[in-house]
Amino acid sequence: MRRTNWAILAFAALGTSWIVGSASPAAADPYEYPWCIQGRQEGYPGYCGYQTYQQCQASASGRDAYCGINPRVAFSQQRLAPRAFR
């Protein structure tokens, strides 16, 4: 009986570790939105899922929150246009 309990426990531990190990994180949104809602509940940089300032303001309305520029967008490297060689 005791051996059976250990076998079941070992099998359950292996199954659990396999399930946890095979789980992959959710894919990040490939687009960086320029506006973030920031505040006490959201932290910094907050939730950055707004394309326009008006969308962010509408979401922040009535909450202890405000809108700010997404730092990943503001401080990212600017993409330069390809140079034409003469």
N, C-alpha and C. Protein backbone atom coordinates (compact mmCIF):
# COMPACT_ATOMS: atom_id res chain seq x y z
N MET A 1 0.83 -1.19 0.00
CA MET A 1 0.00 0.00 0.00
C MET A 1 0.87 1.25 0.00
N ARG A 2 1.90 1.23 0.83
CA ARG A 2 2.77 2.39 0.92
C ARG A 2 3.52 2.62 -0.39
N ARG A 3 3.94 1.54 -1.03
CA ARG A 3 4.64 1.63 -2.31
C ARG A 3 3.71 2.21 -3.39
N THR A 4 2.46 1.83 -3.34
CA THR A 4 1.48 2.33 -4.31
C THR A 4 1.28 3.84 -4.13
N ASN A 5 1.21 4.29 -2.90
CA ASN A 5 1.05 5.73 -2.65
C ASN A 5 2.23 6.52 -3.19
N TRP A 6 3.45 6.00 -2.99
CA TRP A 6 4.64 6.69 -3.52
C TRP A 6 4.64 6.69 -5.04
N ALA A 7 4.19 5.63 -5.65
CA ALA A 7 4.14 5.55 -7.11
C ALA A 7 3.13 6.56 -7.66
N ILE A 8 1.99 6.65 -7.01
CA ILE A 8 0.97 7.62 -7.45
C ILE A 8 1.49 9.04 -7.27
N LEU A 9 2.12 9.31 -6.15
CA LEU A 9 2.67 10.64 -5.90
C LEU A 9 3.75 10.99 -6.93
N ALA A 10 4.63 10.05 -7.24
CA ALA A 10 5.68 10.30 -8.22
C ALA A 10 5.09 10.54 -9.60
N PHE A 11 4.09 9.76 -9.98
CA PHE A 11 3.43 9.93 -11.27
C PHE A 11 2.74 11.29 -11.35
N ALA A 12 2.08 11.70 -10.28
CA ALA A 12 1.41 13.00 -10.26
C ALA A 12 2.42 14.14 -10.35
N ALA A 13 3.56 14.01 -9.67
CA ALA A 13 4.59 15.05 -9.73
C ALA A 13 5.17 15.16 -11.13
N LEU A 14 5.43 14.02 -11.78
CA LEU A 14 5.94 14.05 -13.15
C LEU A 14 4.94 14.66 -14.11
N GLY A 15 3.67 14.30 -13.94
CA GLY A 15 2.64 14.87 -14.81
C GLY A 15 2.50 16.37 -14.63
N THR A 16 2.55 16.81 -13.39
CA THR A 16 2.44 18.25 -13.11
C THR A 16 3.64 19.00 -13.68
N SER A 17 4.83 18.45 -13.51
CA SER A 17 6.01 19.14 -14.04
C SER A 17 5.99 19.17 -15.56
N TRP A 18 5.45 18.16 -16.19
CA TRP A 18 5.36 18.16 -17.65
C TRP A 18 4.38 19.22 -18.13
N ILE A 19 3.24 19.35 -17.45
CA ILE A 19 2.25 20.34 -17.85
C ILE A 19 2.79 21.75 -17.65
N VAL A 20 3.43 22.00 -16.53
CA VAL A 20 3.98 23.33 -16.25
C VAL A 20 5.12 23.64 -17.21
N GLY A 21 5.95 22.68 -17.52
CA GLY A 21 7.08 22.89 -18.41
C GLY A 21 6.68 23.12 -19.85
N SER A 22 5.55 22.55 -20.27
CA SER A 22 5.14 22.70 -21.66
C SER A 22 4.33 23.96 -21.90
N ALA A 23 3.91 24.64 -20.84
CA ALA A 23 3.14 25.87 -21.00
C ALA A 23 4.05 26.98 -21.49
N SER A 24 3.62 27.68 -22.50
CA SER A 24 4.42 28.79 -23.02
C SER A 24 3.73 30.10 -22.67
N PRO A 25 4.50 31.15 -22.48
CA PRO A 25 3.89 32.44 -22.15
C PRO A 25 3.07 32.97 -23.33
N ALA A 26 2.12 33.80 -23.01
CA ALA A 26 1.28 34.40 -24.05
C ALA A 26 2.13 35.32 -24.92
N ALA A 27 1.80 35.35 -26.17
CA ALA A 27 2.54 36.20 -27.11
C ALA A 27 2.25 37.66 -26.81
N ALA A 28 3.27 38.47 -26.84
CA ALA A 28 3.10 39.90 -26.61
C ALA A 28 2.49 40.55 -27.86
N ASP A 29 1.82 41.63 -27.63
CA ASP A 29 1.24 42.37 -28.74
C ASP A 29 2.38 42.93 -29.58
N PRO A 30 2.42 42.65 -30.88
CA PRO A 30 3.55 43.10 -31.69
C PRO A 30 3.56 44.60 -31.94
N TYR A 31 2.46 45.28 -31.64
CA TYR A 31 2.38 46.71 -31.87
C TYR A 31 2.49 47.45 -30.55
N GLU A 32 3.34 48.44 -30.49
CA GLU A 32 3.48 49.28 -29.30
C GLU A 32 2.56 50.49 -29.44
N TYR A 33 1.54 50.56 -28.62
CA TYR A 33 0.61 51.68 -28.68
C TYR A 33 1.23 52.89 -27.99
N PRO A 34 0.98 54.09 -28.50
CA PRO A 34 1.67 55.28 -28.00
C PRO A 34 1.15 55.85 -26.68
N TRP A 35 -0.04 55.46 -26.23
CA TRP A 35 -0.60 56.07 -25.02
C TRP A 35 -0.84 55.03 -23.95
N CYS A 36 -0.48 55.38 -22.71
CA CYS A 36 -0.64 54.49 -21.56
C CYS A 36 -1.50 55.16 -20.51
N ILE A 37 -2.37 54.37 -19.89
CA ILE A 37 -3.10 54.87 -18.73
C ILE A 37 -2.24 54.55 -17.51
N GLN A 38 -2.02 55.57 -16.71
CA GLN A 38 -1.12 55.45 -15.56
C GLN A 38 -1.84 55.94 -14.32
N GLY A 39 -1.51 55.37 -13.21
CA GLY A 39 -2.12 55.78 -11.96
C GLY A 39 -1.73 54.83 -10.85
N ARG A 40 -2.39 54.98 -9.74
CA ARG A 40 -2.06 54.19 -8.56
C ARG A 40 -2.31 52.69 -8.79
N GLN A 41 -3.38 52.36 -9.47
CA GLN A 41 -3.71 50.96 -9.69
C GLN A 41 -2.91 50.35 -10.83
N GLU A 42 -2.53 51.14 -11.82
CA GLU A 42 -1.87 50.61 -13.00
C GLU A 42 -0.35 50.58 -12.88
N GLY A 43 0.22 51.47 -12.09
CA GLY A 43 1.67 51.52 -11.97
C GLY A 43 2.30 52.25 -13.15
N TYR A 44 3.60 51.98 -13.37
CA TYR A 44 4.31 52.64 -14.46
C TYR A 44 4.96 51.58 -15.31
N PRO A 45 4.85 51.57 -16.59
CA PRO A 45 4.22 52.55 -17.45
C PRO A 45 2.71 52.43 -17.53
N GLY A 46 2.13 51.46 -16.86
CA GLY A 46 0.68 51.32 -16.89
C GLY A 46 0.23 50.41 -18.01
N TYR A 47 -1.03 50.54 -18.38
CA TYR A 47 -1.57 49.75 -19.48
C TYR A 47 -1.44 50.57 -20.75
N CYS A 48 -0.63 50.11 -21.67
CA CYS A 48 -0.35 50.84 -22.91
C CYS A 48 -1.09 50.18 -24.06
N GLY A 49 -2.36 50.46 -24.16
CA GLY A 49 -3.16 49.83 -25.20
C GLY A 49 -4.05 50.81 -25.93
N TYR A 50 -3.64 52.06 -26.01
CA TYR A 50 -4.49 53.08 -26.62
C TYR A 50 -3.79 53.72 -27.81
N GLN A 51 -4.52 53.82 -28.92
CA GLN A 51 -3.96 54.42 -30.13
C GLN A 51 -4.05 55.93 -30.12
N THR A 52 -5.03 56.47 -29.43
CA THR A 52 -5.19 57.92 -29.40
C THR A 52 -5.28 58.41 -27.96
N TYR A 53 -4.98 59.67 -27.78
CA TYR A 53 -5.06 60.30 -26.46
C TYR A 53 -6.51 60.33 -25.98
N GLN A 54 -7.44 60.51 -26.91
CA GLN A 54 -8.86 60.55 -26.55
C GLN A 54 -9.33 59.21 -26.01
N GLN A 55 -8.87 58.10 -26.59
CA GLN A 55 -9.24 56.78 -26.08
C GLN A 55 -8.73 56.60 -24.65
N CYS A 56 -7.50 57.03 -24.42
CA CYS A 56 -6.91 56.91 -23.09
C CYS A 56 -7.67 57.78 -22.09
N GLN A 57 -8.00 59.00 -22.47
CA GLN A 57 -8.72 59.90 -21.58
C GLN A 57 -10.11 59.35 -21.24
N ALA A 58 -10.77 58.74 -22.22
CA ALA A 58 -12.08 58.16 -21.96
C ALA A 58 -11.98 57.01 -20.95
N SER A 59 -10.92 56.24 -21.03
CA SER A 59 -10.73 55.15 -20.08
C SER A 59 -10.34 55.66 -18.70
N ALA A 60 -9.59 56.75 -18.64
CA ALA A 60 -9.13 57.30 -17.37
C ALA A 60 -10.22 58.12 -16.67
N SER A 61 -11.25 58.48 -17.39
CA SER A 61 -12.30 59.32 -16.84
C SER A 61 -13.00 58.62 -15.67
N GLY A 62 -13.10 59.33 -14.55
CA GLY A 62 -13.77 58.80 -13.37
C GLY A 62 -12.90 57.91 -12.52
N ARG A 63 -11.65 57.76 -12.87
CA ARG A 63 -10.72 56.93 -12.10
C ARG A 63 -9.57 57.80 -11.61
N ASP A 64 -8.83 57.30 -10.68
CA ASP A 64 -7.64 58.01 -10.20
C ASP A 64 -6.49 57.65 -11.14
N ALA A 65 -6.59 58.13 -12.39
CA ALA A 65 -5.60 57.78 -13.40
C ALA A 65 -5.44 58.94 -14.38
N TYR A 66 -4.36 58.89 -15.13
CA TYR A 66 -4.09 59.90 -16.15
C TYR A 66 -3.42 59.20 -17.33
N CYS A 67 -3.23 59.92 -18.40
CA CYS A 67 -2.63 59.36 -19.62
C CYS A 67 -1.23 59.91 -19.83
N GLY A 68 -0.35 59.04 -20.25
CA GLY A 68 1.02 59.44 -20.53
C GLY A 68 1.52 58.73 -21.77
N ILE A 69 2.61 59.22 -22.30
CA ILE A 69 3.20 58.63 -23.49
C ILE A 69 3.89 57.32 -23.11
N ASN A 70 3.75 56.31 -23.95
CA ASN A 70 4.39 55.03 -23.73
C ASN A 70 5.91 55.21 -23.82
N PRO A 71 6.66 54.93 -22.76
CA PRO A 71 8.11 55.14 -22.81
C PRO A 71 8.81 54.26 -23.83
N ARG A 72 8.25 53.09 -24.14
CA ARG A 72 8.88 52.24 -25.15
C ARG A 72 8.76 52.86 -26.54
N VAL A 73 7.73 53.65 -26.75
CA VAL A 73 7.57 54.34 -28.03
C VAL A 73 8.38 55.63 -28.03
N ALA A 74 8.31 56.36 -26.93
CA ALA A 74 8.97 57.66 -26.86
C ALA A 74 10.49 57.56 -26.94
N PHE A 75 11.06 56.52 -26.32
CA PHE A 75 12.52 56.42 -26.26
C PHE A 75 13.09 55.32 -27.16
N SER A 76 12.29 54.79 -28.05
CA SER A 76 12.82 53.78 -28.96
C SER A 76 13.64 54.45 -30.06
N GLN A 77 14.50 53.67 -30.68
CA GLN A 77 15.31 54.22 -31.76
C GLN A 77 14.42 54.54 -32.95
N GLN A 78 14.67 55.68 -33.52
CA GLN A 78 13.91 56.09 -34.69
C GLN A 78 14.39 55.29 -35.90
N ARG A 79 13.46 54.84 -36.69
CA ARG A 79 13.83 54.10 -37.90
C ARG A 79 14.11 55.09 -39.01
N LEU A 80 15.26 54.97 -39.57
CA LEU A 80 15.67 55.87 -40.64
C LEU A 80 15.28 55.31 -41.99
N ALA A 81 14.95 56.21 -42.89
CA ALA A 81 14.63 55.80 -44.24
C ALA A 81 15.93 55.33 -44.93
N PRO A 82 15.83 54.37 -45.81
CA PRO A 82 17.04 53.90 -46.51
C PRO A 82 17.65 55.03 -47.31
N ARG A 83 18.97 55.11 -47.25
CA ARG A 83 19.67 56.17 -48.00
C ARG A 83 19.85 55.74 -49.44
N ALA A 84 19.71 56.70 -50.31
CA ALA A 84 19.92 56.44 -51.75
C ALA A 84 21.38 56.75 -52.07
N PHE A 85 22.06 55.79 -52.64
CA PHE A 85 23.46 55.98 -53.04
C PHE A 85 23.50 56.54 -54.44
N ARG A 86 24.40 57.51 -54.64
CA ARG A 86 24.52 58.12 -55.97
C ARG A 86 25.71 57.62 -56.67
